[in-house]
C-alpha atoms as a PDB file:
ATOM      1  CA  MET A   1      61.558  83.675  69.570  1.00  0.00           C
ATOM      2  CA  CYS A   2      62.292  81.832  72.824  1.00  0.00           C
ATOM      3  CA  ARG A   3      64.060  83.880  75.413  1.00  0.00           C
ATOM      4  CA  ARG A   4      66.628  82.038  77.502  1.00  0.00           C
ATOM      5  CA  TRP A   5      66.345  82.086  81.268  1.00  0.00           C
ATOM      6  CA  THR A   6      69.208  82.037  83.728  1.00  0.00           C
ATOM      7  CA  PRO A   7      68.554  79.792  86.734  1.00  0.00           C
ATOM      8  CA  GLY A   8      68.131  81.726  89.956  1.00  0.00           C
ATOM      9  CA  PRO A   9      68.956  80.665  93.484  1.00  0.00           C
ATOM     10  CA  GLN A  10      65.617  78.990  94.009  1.00  0.00           C
ATOM     11  CA  SER A  11      63.957  75.861  92.570  1.00  0.00           C
ATOM     12  CA  LYS A  12      61.317  74.991  89.916  1.00  0.00           C
ATOM     13  CA  GLY A  13      58.219  72.693  88.424  1.00  0.00           C
ATOM     14  CA  ARG A  14      55.286  72.178  85.506  1.00  0.00           C
ATOM     15  CA  ARG A  15      51.595  72.523  83.937  1.00  0.00           C
ATOM     16  CA  SER A  16      47.798  72.085  84.156  1.00  0.00           C
ATOM     17  CA  VAL A  17      46.653  69.979  85.966  1.00  0.00           C
ATOM     18  CA  PRO A  18      49.543  71.891  87.569  1.00  0.00           C
ATOM     19  CA  PRO A  19      52.523  69.747  88.600  1.00  0.00           C
ATOM     20  CA  PHE A  20      52.502  71.227  92.066  1.00  0.00           C
ATOM     21  CA  ALA A  21      52.541  68.884  95.037  1.00  0.00           C
ATOM     22  CA  LEU A  22      51.627  70.036  98.517  1.00  0.00           C
ATOM     23  CA  ARG A  23      54.405  69.299 100.969  1.00  0.00           C
ATOM     24  CA  PRO A  24      53.347  70.758 104.347  1.00  0.00           C
ATOM     25  CA  ARG A  25      51.596  68.981 107.194  1.00  0.00           C
ATOM     26  CA  VAL A  26      48.205  70.357 106.295  1.00  0.00           C
ATOM     27  CA  SER A  27      45.361  69.096 104.177  1.00  0.00           C
ATOM     28  CA  THR A  28      43.313  71.180 101.765  1.00  0.00           C
ATOM     29  CA  ALA A  29      40.434  70.354  99.499  1.00  0.00           C
ATOM     30  CA  TRP A  30      41.827  72.393  96.571  1.00  0.00           C
ATOM     31  CA  PRO A  31      41.472  70.147  93.491  1.00  0.00           C
ATOM     32  CA  GLY A  32      44.374  69.143  91.328  1.00  0.00           C
ATOM     33  CA  PRO A  33      47.775  68.915  92.995  1.00  0.00           C
ATOM     34  CA  MET A  34      49.074  65.854  94.698  1.00  0.00           C
ATOM     35  CA  GLU A  35      49.291  65.948  98.469  1.00  0.00           C
ATOM     36  CA  ARG A  36      52.285  64.528 100.290  1.00  0.00           C
ATOM     37  CA  PRO A  37      51.446  64.500 104.005  1.00  0.00           C
ATOM     38  CA  ALA A  38      54.611  64.267 106.046  1.00  0.00           C
ATOM     39  CA  GLN A  39      54.851  62.418 109.309  1.00  0.00           C
ATOM     40  CA  PRO A  40      54.690  63.811 111.963  1.00  0.00           C
ATOM     41  CA  GLU A  41      51.150  65.061 111.323  1.00  0.00           C
ATOM     42  CA  VAL A  42      48.805  67.385 113.202  1.00  0.00           C
ATOM     43  CA  CYS A  43      45.772  65.393 112.051  1.00  0.00           C
ATOM     44  CA  THR A  44      45.138  61.754 111.287  1.00  0.00           C
ATOM     45  CA  LEU A  45      45.562  60.112 107.899  1.00  0.00           C
ATOM     46  CA  GLU A  46      41.857  59.331 107.938  1.00  0.00           C
ATOM     47  CA  ASP A  47      41.128  63.049 108.426  1.00  0.00           C
ATOM     48  CA  ILE A  48      43.221  63.895 105.365  1.00  0.00           C
ATOM     49  CA  VAL A  49      41.456  61.328 103.202  1.00  0.00           C
ATOM     50  CA  ALA A  50      38.061  62.588 104.380  1.00  0.00           C
ATOM     51  CA  ALA A  51      38.985  66.227 103.670  1.00  0.00           C
ATOM     52  CA  ALA A  52      40.229  65.537 100.144  1.00  0.00           C
ATOM     53  CA  PRO A  53      38.755  62.195  99.023  1.00  0.00           C
ATOM     54  CA  ARG A  54      39.690  62.779  95.374  1.00  0.00           C
ATOM     55  CA  GLY A  55      43.214  63.926  96.162  1.00  0.00           C
ATOM     56  CA  PHE A  56      46.283  62.218  94.747  1.00  0.00           C
ATOM     57  CA  ARG A  57      48.167  61.322  97.912  1.00  0.00           C
ATOM     58  CA  TRP A  58      51.690  60.138  98.683  1.00  0.00           C
ATOM     59  CA  PHE A  59      52.939  59.513 102.220  1.00  0.00           C
ATOM     60  CA  GLN A  60      56.309  60.719 103.510  1.00  0.00           C
ATOM     61  CA  LEU A  61      57.842  58.461 106.145  1.00  0.00           C
ATOM     62  CA  TYR A  62      60.525  59.250 108.688  1.00  0.00           C
ATOM     63  CA  VAL A  63      61.729  55.722 109.361  1.00  0.00           C
ATOM     64  CA  GLN A  64      61.152  54.678 112.992  1.00  0.00           C
ATOM     65  CA  PRO A  65      63.455  52.349 114.969  1.00  0.00           C
ATOM     66  CA  ASP A  66      60.535  49.973 115.583  1.00  0.00           C
ATOM     67  CA  ARG A  67      60.045  48.001 112.362  1.00  0.00           C
ATOM     68  CA  GLN A  68      56.606  46.797 113.391  1.00  0.00           C
ATOM     69  CA  LEU A  69      55.537  50.423 113.776  1.00  0.00           C
ATOM     70  CA  ASN A  70      56.839  51.217 110.276  1.00  0.00           C
ATOM     71  CA  LYS A  71      54.995  48.207 108.891  1.00  0.00           C
ATOM     72  CA  GLN A  72      51.687  49.137 110.517  1.00  0.00           C
ATOM     73  CA  LEU A  73      51.944  52.728 109.330  1.00  0.00           C
ATOM     74  CA  VAL A  74      52.910  51.892 105.742  1.00  0.00           C
ATOM     75  CA  GLN A  75      50.209  49.258 105.361  1.00  0.00           C
ATOM     76  CA  ARG A  76      47.678  51.646 106.841  1.00  0.00           C
ATOM     77  CA  VAL A  77      48.412  54.371 104.285  1.00  0.00           C
ATOM     78  CA  GLU A  78      48.268  51.796 101.509  1.00  0.00           C
ATOM     79  CA  SER A  79      44.842  50.637 102.678  1.00  0.00           C
ATOM     80  CA  LEU A  80      43.665  54.272 102.706  1.00  0.00           C
ATOM     81  CA  GLY A  81      44.484  54.673  99.029  1.00  0.00           C
ATOM     82  CA  PHE A  82      47.793  56.502  99.155  1.00  0.00           C
ATOM     83  CA  ARG A  83      49.666  56.063  95.867  1.00  0.00           C
ATOM     84  CA  ALA A  84      53.348  56.089  96.892  1.00  0.00           C
ATOM     85  CA  LEU A  85      55.675  55.830  99.864  1.00  0.00           C
ATOM     86  CA  VAL A  86      58.197  58.668 100.187  1.00  0.00           C
ATOM     87  CA  ILE A  87      61.089  57.709 102.454  1.00  0.00           C
ATOM     88  CA  THR A  88      63.087  60.565 103.974  1.00  0.00           C
ATOM     89  CA  VAL A  89      66.801  59.818 103.616  1.00  0.00           C
ATOM     90  CA  ASP A  90      68.476  63.077 104.649  1.00  0.00           C
ATOM     91  CA  VAL A  91      67.622  63.127 108.362  1.00  0.00           C
ATOM     92  CA  PRO A  92      69.691  60.479 110.175  1.00  0.00           C
ATOM     93  CA  LYS A  93      69.588  63.141 112.891  1.00  0.00           C
ATOM     94  CA  LEU A  94      68.199  66.646 113.079  1.00  0.00           C
ATOM     95  CA  GLY A  95      70.467  69.420 111.876  1.00  0.00           C
ATOM     96  CA  ASN A  96      71.383  72.471 113.924  1.00  0.00           C
ATOM     97  CA  ARG A  97      68.157  74.362 113.342  1.00  0.00           C
ATOM     98  CA  ARG A  98      68.841  77.757 114.854  1.00  0.00           C
ATOM     99  CA  HIS A  99      65.399  79.165 114.085  1.00  0.00           C
ATOM    100  CA  ASP A 100      63.780  76.269 115.944  1.00  0.00           C
ATOM    101  CA  ILE A 101      66.092  76.836 118.896  1.00  0.00           C
ATOM    102  CA  ARG A 102      65.387  80.580 118.895  1.00  0.00           C
ATOM    103  CA  ASN A 103      61.625  79.950 118.750  1.00  0.00           C
ATOM    104  CA  GLN A 104      61.850  77.205 121.385  1.00  0.00           C
ATOM    105  CA  LEU A 105      60.244  74.722 119.003  1.00  0.00           C
ATOM    106  CA  ASN A 106      60.580  71.206 120.380  1.00  0.00           C
ATOM    107  CA  LEU A 107      58.586  68.676 118.399  1.00  0.00           C
ATOM    108  CA  LYS A 108      59.620  65.803 120.615  1.00  0.00           C
ATOM    109  CA  THR A 109      57.806  67.257 123.598  1.00  0.00           C
ATOM    110  CA  ASN A 110      55.085  69.333 121.941  1.00  0.00           C
ATOM    111  CA  LEU A 111      53.761  67.177 119.121  1.00  0.00           C
ATOM    112  CA  LEU A 112      51.438  64.209 119.449  1.00  0.00           C
ATOM    113  CA  LEU A 113      51.770  61.728 116.637  1.00  0.00           C
ATOM    114  CA  LYS A 114      48.191  60.785 115.877  1.00  0.00           C
ATOM    115  CA  ASP A 115      49.244  59.023 112.684  1.00  0.00           C
ATOM    116  CA  LEU A 116      51.312  56.453 114.543  1.00  0.00           C
ATOM    117  CA  ARG A 117      48.199  55.045 116.188  1.00  0.00           C
ATOM    118  CA  SER A 118      45.387  53.068 114.673  1.00  0.00           C
ATOM    119  CA  PRO A 119      41.831  54.324 115.312  1.00  0.00           C
ATOM    120  CA  GLN A 120      41.420  51.605 117.972  1.00  0.00           C
ATOM    121  CA  GLU A 121      44.655  52.532 119.730  1.00  0.00           C
ATOM    122  CA  ARG A 122      43.725  56.208 119.970  1.00  0.00           C
ATOM    123  CA  ASN A 123      41.048  55.435 122.536  1.00  0.00           C
ATOM    124  CA  SER A 124      43.353  53.433 124.784  1.00  0.00           C
ATOM    125  CA  MET A 125      46.521  55.481 124.196  1.00  0.00           C
ATOM    126  CA  PRO A 126      45.532  59.146 123.881  1.00  0.00           C
ATOM    127  CA  TYR A 127      49.056  60.609 124.034  1.00  0.00           C
ATOM    128  CA  LEU A 128      52.070  59.544 122.045  1.00  0.00           C
ATOM    129  CA  GLN A 129      55.124  61.713 121.749  1.00  0.00           C
ATOM    130  CA  MET A 130      57.373  61.781 118.707  1.00  0.00           C
ATOM    131  CA  SER A 131      59.583  58.736 118.266  1.00  0.00           C
ATOM    132  CA  PRO A 132      63.273  59.088 117.424  1.00  0.00           C
ATOM    133  CA  ILE A 133      64.290  58.732 113.782  1.00  0.00           C
ATOM    134  CA  ASP A 134      66.117  55.520 112.912  1.00  0.00           C
ATOM    135  CA  SER A 135      69.696  56.713 112.316  1.00  0.00           C
ATOM    136  CA  SER A 136      70.780  53.229 111.216  1.00  0.00           C
ATOM    137  CA  PHE A 137      68.519  53.180 108.145  1.00  0.00           C
ATOM    138  CA  CYS A 138      70.580  52.326 105.037  1.00  0.00           C
ATOM    139  CA  TRP A 139      70.247  51.262 101.390  1.00  0.00           C
ATOM    140  CA  GLU A 140      69.880  47.580 102.230  1.00  0.00           C
ATOM    141  CA  ASP A 141      66.755  48.313 104.284  1.00  0.00           C
ATOM    142  CA  LEU A 142      64.830  49.262 101.146  1.00  0.00           C
ATOM    143  CA  SER A 143      64.393  45.581 100.315  1.00  0.00           C
ATOM    144  CA  TRP A 144      62.526  45.097 103.612  1.00  0.00           C
ATOM    145  CA  PHE A 145      60.070  47.867 102.721  1.00  0.00           C
ATOM    146  CA  ARG A 146      59.325  46.093  99.446  1.00  0.00           C
ATOM    147  CA  THR A 147      58.237  43.021 101.397  1.00  0.00           C
ATOM    148  CA  ILE A 148      55.567  44.977 103.289  1.00  0.00           C
ATOM    149  CA  THR A 149      54.030  47.151 100.554  1.00  0.00           C
ATOM    150  CA  GLN A 150      53.195  47.268  96.865  1.00  0.00           C
ATOM    151  CA  LEU A 151      53.488  51.068  96.820  1.00  0.00           C
ATOM    152  CA  PRO A 152      56.132  52.695  94.629  1.00  0.00           C
ATOM    153  CA  ILE A 153      59.074  53.880  96.739  1.00  0.00           C
ATOM    154  CA  ILE A 154      60.364  57.446  96.333  1.00  0.00           C
ATOM    155  CA  LEU A 155      63.505  58.675  98.108  1.00  0.00           C
ATOM    156  CA  LYS A 156      63.492  62.273  99.369  1.00  0.00           C
ATOM    157  CA  GLY A 157      66.739  64.079 100.077  1.00  0.00           C
ATOM    158  CA  ILE A 158      69.033  63.034  97.211  1.00  0.00           C
ATOM    159  CA  LEU A 159      71.535  65.721  96.130  1.00  0.00           C
ATOM    160  CA  THR A 160      74.431  63.911  94.452  1.00  0.00           C
ATOM    161  CA  LYS A 161      75.227  61.814  91.389  1.00  0.00           C
ATOM    162  CA  GLU A 162      76.535  58.985  93.582  1.00  0.00           C
ATOM    163  CA  ASP A 163      73.341  58.679  95.627  1.00  0.00           C
ATOM    164  CA  ALA A 164      71.205  58.969  92.502  1.00  0.00           C
ATOM    165  CA  GLU A 165      73.086  56.044  90.958  1.00  0.00           C
ATOM    166  CA  LEU A 166      72.577  54.014  94.138  1.00  0.00           C
ATOM    167  CA  ALA A 167      68.857  54.792  93.989  1.00  0.00           C
ATOM    168  CA  VAL A 168      68.738  53.362  90.464  1.00  0.00           C
ATOM    169  CA  LYS A 169      70.718  50.319  91.607  1.00  0.00           C
ATOM    170  CA  HIS A 170      68.218  49.661  94.408  1.00  0.00           C
ATOM    171  CA  ASN A 171      65.249  49.901  92.027  1.00  0.00           C
ATOM    172  CA  VAL A 172      63.323  52.744  93.611  1.00  0.00           C
ATOM    173  CA  GLN A 173      60.693  54.415  91.473  1.00  0.00           C
ATOM    174  CA  GLY A 174      61.628  58.046  92.019  1.00  0.00           C
ATOM    175  CA  ILE A 175      63.879  60.659  93.620  1.00  0.00           C
ATOM    176  CA  ILE A 176      62.975  63.973  95.218  1.00  0.00           C
ATOM    177  CA  VAL A 177      65.965  66.295  94.928  1.00  0.00           C
ATOM    178  CA  SER A 178      65.841  68.248  98.185  1.00  0.00           C
ATOM    179  CA  ASN A 179      68.123  69.935 100.693  1.00  0.00           C
ATOM    180  CA  HIS A 180      65.370  69.848 103.328  1.00  0.00           C
ATOM    181  CA  GLY A 181      64.687  73.545 103.011  1.00  0.00           C
ATOM    182  CA  GLY A 182      68.303  74.297 103.893  1.00  0.00           C
ATOM    183  CA  ARG A 183      67.574  73.330 107.492  1.00  0.00           C
ATOM    184  CA  GLN A 184      69.724  70.210 107.806  1.00  0.00           C
ATOM    185  CA  LEU A 185      73.270  71.188 106.847  1.00  0.00           C
ATOM    186  CA  ASP A 186      74.606  74.661 106.137  1.00  0.00           C
ATOM    187  CA  ASP A 187      76.244  75.313 102.748  1.00  0.00           C
ATOM    188  CA  VAL A 188      74.761  72.339 100.876  1.00  0.00           C
ATOM    189  CA  PRO A 189      73.759  73.100  97.265  1.00  0.00           C
ATOM    190  CA  ALA A 190      70.353  74.532  96.525  1.00  0.00           C
ATOM    191  CA  SER A 191      68.018  71.832  95.268  1.00  0.00           C
ATOM    192  CA  VAL A 192      67.889  73.388  91.801  1.00  0.00           C
ATOM    193  CA  ASP A 193      71.689  73.418  91.591  1.00  0.00           C
ATOM    194  CA  ALA A 194      71.811  69.693  92.365  1.00  0.00           C
ATOM    195  CA  LEU A 195      68.981  68.849  89.952  1.00  0.00           C
ATOM    196  CA  PRO A 196      70.942  68.618  86.645  1.00  0.00           C
ATOM    197  CA  GLU A 197      73.539  66.275  88.166  1.00  0.00           C
ATOM    198  CA  VAL A 198      70.878  63.948  89.531  1.00  0.00           C
ATOM    199  CA  VAL A 199      68.838  63.970  86.309  1.00  0.00           C
ATOM    200  CA  ALA A 200      71.941  63.105  84.283  1.00  0.00           C
ATOM    201  CA  ALA A 201      72.894  60.297  86.676  1.00  0.00           C
ATOM    202  CA  VAL A 202      69.574  58.415  86.499  1.00  0.00           C
ATOM    203  CA  LYS A 203      69.523  58.471  82.666  1.00  0.00           C
ATOM    204  CA  GLY A 204      65.735  58.372  82.538  1.00  0.00           C
ATOM    205  CA  LYS A 205      65.484  55.127  84.526  1.00  0.00           C
ATOM    206  CA  LEU A 206      63.322  56.731  87.214  1.00  0.00           C
ATOM    207  CA  GLU A 207      61.417  59.958  87.735  1.00  0.00           C
ATOM    208  CA  VAL A 208      63.078  62.956  89.368  1.00  0.00           C
ATOM    209  CA  TYR A 209      61.155  65.633  91.288  1.00  0.00           C
ATOM    210  CA  LEU A 210      62.296  68.869  92.917  1.00  0.00           C
ATOM    211  CA  ASP A 211      61.553  70.128  96.419  1.00  0.00           C
ATOM    212  CA  GLY A 212      62.464  73.525  97.828  1.00  0.00           C
ATOM    213  CA  GLY A 213      62.892  77.106  96.680  1.00  0.00           C
ATOM    214  CA  VAL A 214      59.881  77.310  94.357  1.00  0.00           C
ATOM    215  CA  ARG A 215      58.338  80.753  94.696  1.00  0.00           C
ATOM    216  CA  THR A 216      57.133  81.704  91.197  1.00  0.00           C
ATOM    217  CA  GLY A 217      55.770  80.134  88.048  1.00  0.00           C
ATOM    218  CA  ASN A 218      59.096  80.975  86.418  1.00  0.00           C
ATOM    219  CA  ASP A 219      60.765  78.735  88.994  1.00  0.00           C
ATOM    220  CA  VAL A 220      58.437  75.937  87.928  1.00  0.00           C
ATOM    221  CA  LEU A 221      59.408  76.385  84.277  1.00  0.00           C
ATOM    222  CA  LYS A 222      63.124  76.288  85.086  1.00  0.00           C
ATOM    223  CA  ALA A 223      62.788  73.094  87.119  1.00  0.00           C
ATOM    224  CA  LEU A 224      61.007  71.331  84.268  1.00  0.00           C
ATOM    225  CA  ALA A 225      63.603  72.596  81.823  1.00  0.00           C
ATOM    226  CA  LEU A 226      66.319  71.074  84.005  1.00  0.00           C
ATOM    227  CA  GLY A 227      64.608  67.690  84.026  1.00  0.00           C
ATOM    228  CA  ALA A 228      62.228  67.635  86.996  1.00  0.00           C
ATOM    229  CA  LYS A 229      58.926  65.818  86.501  1.00  0.00           C
ATOM    230  CA  CYS A 230      57.159  68.105  88.996  1.00  0.00           C
ATOM    231  CA  VAL A 231      57.896  70.327  91.984  1.00  0.00           C
ATOM    232  CA  PHE A 232      56.836  70.213  95.612  1.00  0.00           C
ATOM    233  CA  LEU A 233      55.624  73.322  97.428  1.00  0.00           C
ATOM    234  CA  GLY A 234      56.151  73.982 101.112  1.00  0.00           C
ATOM    235  CA  ARG A 235      56.527  77.493 102.478  1.00  0.00           C
ATOM    236  CA  PRO A 236      54.317  79.273  99.891  1.00  0.00           C
ATOM    237  CA  VAL A 237      51.449  76.968 100.822  1.00  0.00           C
ATOM    238  CA  LEU A 238      51.949  77.711 104.512  1.00  0.00           C
ATOM    239  CA  TRP A 239      52.032  81.447 103.816  1.00  0.00           C
ATOM    240  CA  GLY A 240      48.716  81.206 101.962  1.00  0.00           C
ATOM    241  CA  LEU A 241      47.269  79.107 104.763  1.00  0.00           C
ATOM    242  CA  ALA A 242      48.388  81.605 107.403  1.00  0.00           C
ATOM    243  CA  CYS A 243      46.949  84.530 105.437  1.00  0.00           C
ATOM    244  CA  LYS A 244      43.555  83.213 104.291  1.00  0.00           C
ATOM    245  CA  GLY A 245      43.260  79.612 105.380  1.00  0.00           C
ATOM    246  CA  GLU A 246      42.200  77.049 102.772  1.00  0.00           C
ATOM    247  CA  HIS A 247      41.262  79.797 100.288  1.00  0.00           C
ATOM    248  CA  GLY A 248      44.725  81.283 100.691  1.00  0.00           C
ATOM    249  CA  VAL A 249      46.269  77.979  99.653  1.00  0.00           C
ATOM    250  CA  GLY A 250      44.061  77.914  96.572  1.00  0.00           C
ATOM    251  CA  GLU A 251      45.112  81.487  95.712  1.00  0.00           C
ATOM    252  CA  VAL A 252      48.801  80.607  96.002  1.00  0.00           C
ATOM    253  CA  LEU A 253      48.390  77.641  93.668  1.00  0.00           C
ATOM    254  CA  ASN A 254      46.363  79.659  91.167  1.00  0.00           C
ATOM    255  CA  ILE A 255      48.973  82.432  91.158  1.00  0.00           C
ATOM    256  CA  LEU A 256      51.737  79.920  90.489  1.00  0.00           C
ATOM    257  CA  LYS A 257      49.728  78.224  87.742  1.00  0.00           C
ATOM    258  CA  ASP A 258      48.964  81.541  86.006  1.00  0.00           C
ATOM    259  CA  GLU A 259      52.608  82.632  86.259  1.00  0.00           C
ATOM    260  CA  PHE A 260      53.744  79.282  84.894  1.00  0.00           C
ATOM    261  CA  HIS A 261      51.439  79.498  81.890  1.00  0.00           C
ATOM    262  CA  THR A 262      52.652  83.061  81.236  1.00  0.00           C
ATOM    263  CA  SER A 263      56.286  81.920  81.390  1.00  0.00           C
ATOM    264  CA  MET A 264      55.494  79.120  78.938  1.00  0.00           C
ATOM    265  CA  ALA A 265      53.850  81.520  76.521  1.00  0.00           C
ATOM    266  CA  LEU A 266      56.712  84.021  76.677  1.00  0.00           C
ATOM    267  CA  THR A 267      59.308  81.311  76.041  1.00  0.00           C
ATOM    268  CA  GLY A 268      57.375  79.902  73.095  1.00  0.00           C
ATOM    269  CA  CYS A 269      56.391  76.637  74.771  1.00  0.00           C
ATOM    270  CA  ARG A 270      52.968  75.434  73.607  1.00  0.00           C
ATOM    271  CA  SER A 271      53.003  72.402  75.895  1.00  0.00           C
ATOM    272  CA  VAL A 272      54.987  70.960  78.784  1.00  0.00           C
ATOM    273  CA  ALA A 273      56.616  68.558  76.323  1.00  0.00           C
ATOM    274  CA  GLU A 274      58.295  71.521  74.607  1.00  0.00           C
ATOM    275  CA  ILE A 275      60.035  72.685  77.801  1.00  0.00           C
ATOM    276  CA  ASN A 276      63.668  71.630  77.648  1.00  0.00           C
ATOM    277  CA  GLN A 277      67.153  72.591  78.793  1.00  0.00           C
ATOM    278  CA  ASP A 278      67.662  74.903  75.812  1.00  0.00           C
ATOM    279  CA  LEU A 279      65.631  77.472  77.777  1.00  0.00           C
ATOM    280  CA  ILE A 280      68.355  77.671  80.418  1.00  0.00           C
ATOM    281  CA  GLN A 281      71.523  79.709  80.035  1.00  0.00           C
ATOM    282  CA  PHE A 282      74.165  78.658  82.547  1.00  0.00           C
ATOM    283  CA  SER A 283      76.682  81.120  83.909  1.00  0.00           C
ATOM    284  CA  ARG A 284      80.042  81.066  82.140  1.00  0.00           C
ATOM    285  CA  LEU A 285      81.894  82.026  85.326  1.00  0.00           C
END
């Protein structure tokens, strides 16, 4: 008999090859999950491809004010075999990140954006500080991106029915439901709380993924039950990396996969296709 699960405060995902996607700005050679390198990076795109040549890679873009720079970067990732372009839509400006302030973290002055330079430019321009994010980026700009790339376009940072419907209207291929790790705006919904609304709004016309809050295999099961196609992992991967390096990342992913398979077995799900919303019991409050 299937036991029903009540959604917790964190988020969720899917099965083997596990539907876990690596979100942080690191590259590992662990086989299986998709990698979504985010710009800014601490290593070049070419380095990432070399480290995991068989990896399934998407590229996350923070849109730059200089369109030519965006064009060069997007076409470069496409030529390197990346499979999709993820455009960040929830950072028109940085939120009030108190932990960053407390830790005196200043990416604009401390981070060199190797990815924004071609291999030829790196020799002549060894230092490049982080560019400002284009705060004027809007829905109409998506059509320009379609003129410069054949990659599917995924929007990261959607939390509402209204924005999900606009994403469908503008013919993007996917949505990542994300509150940016809770670091952009205080008191926004948890990603998992926004997930059902977004899934209902798109009516199956595009794929929906979940980012943020995934800590256990049970979280993965709940996200799939609520309609996510897969989940993205951030902090757990960094914790594994900090503890044991590349092997630590592999251990984290294996733990999540084993927990996910256990949760499937204990809820009577023989395959991912059998995971559905009937597994979730919503609060009656």
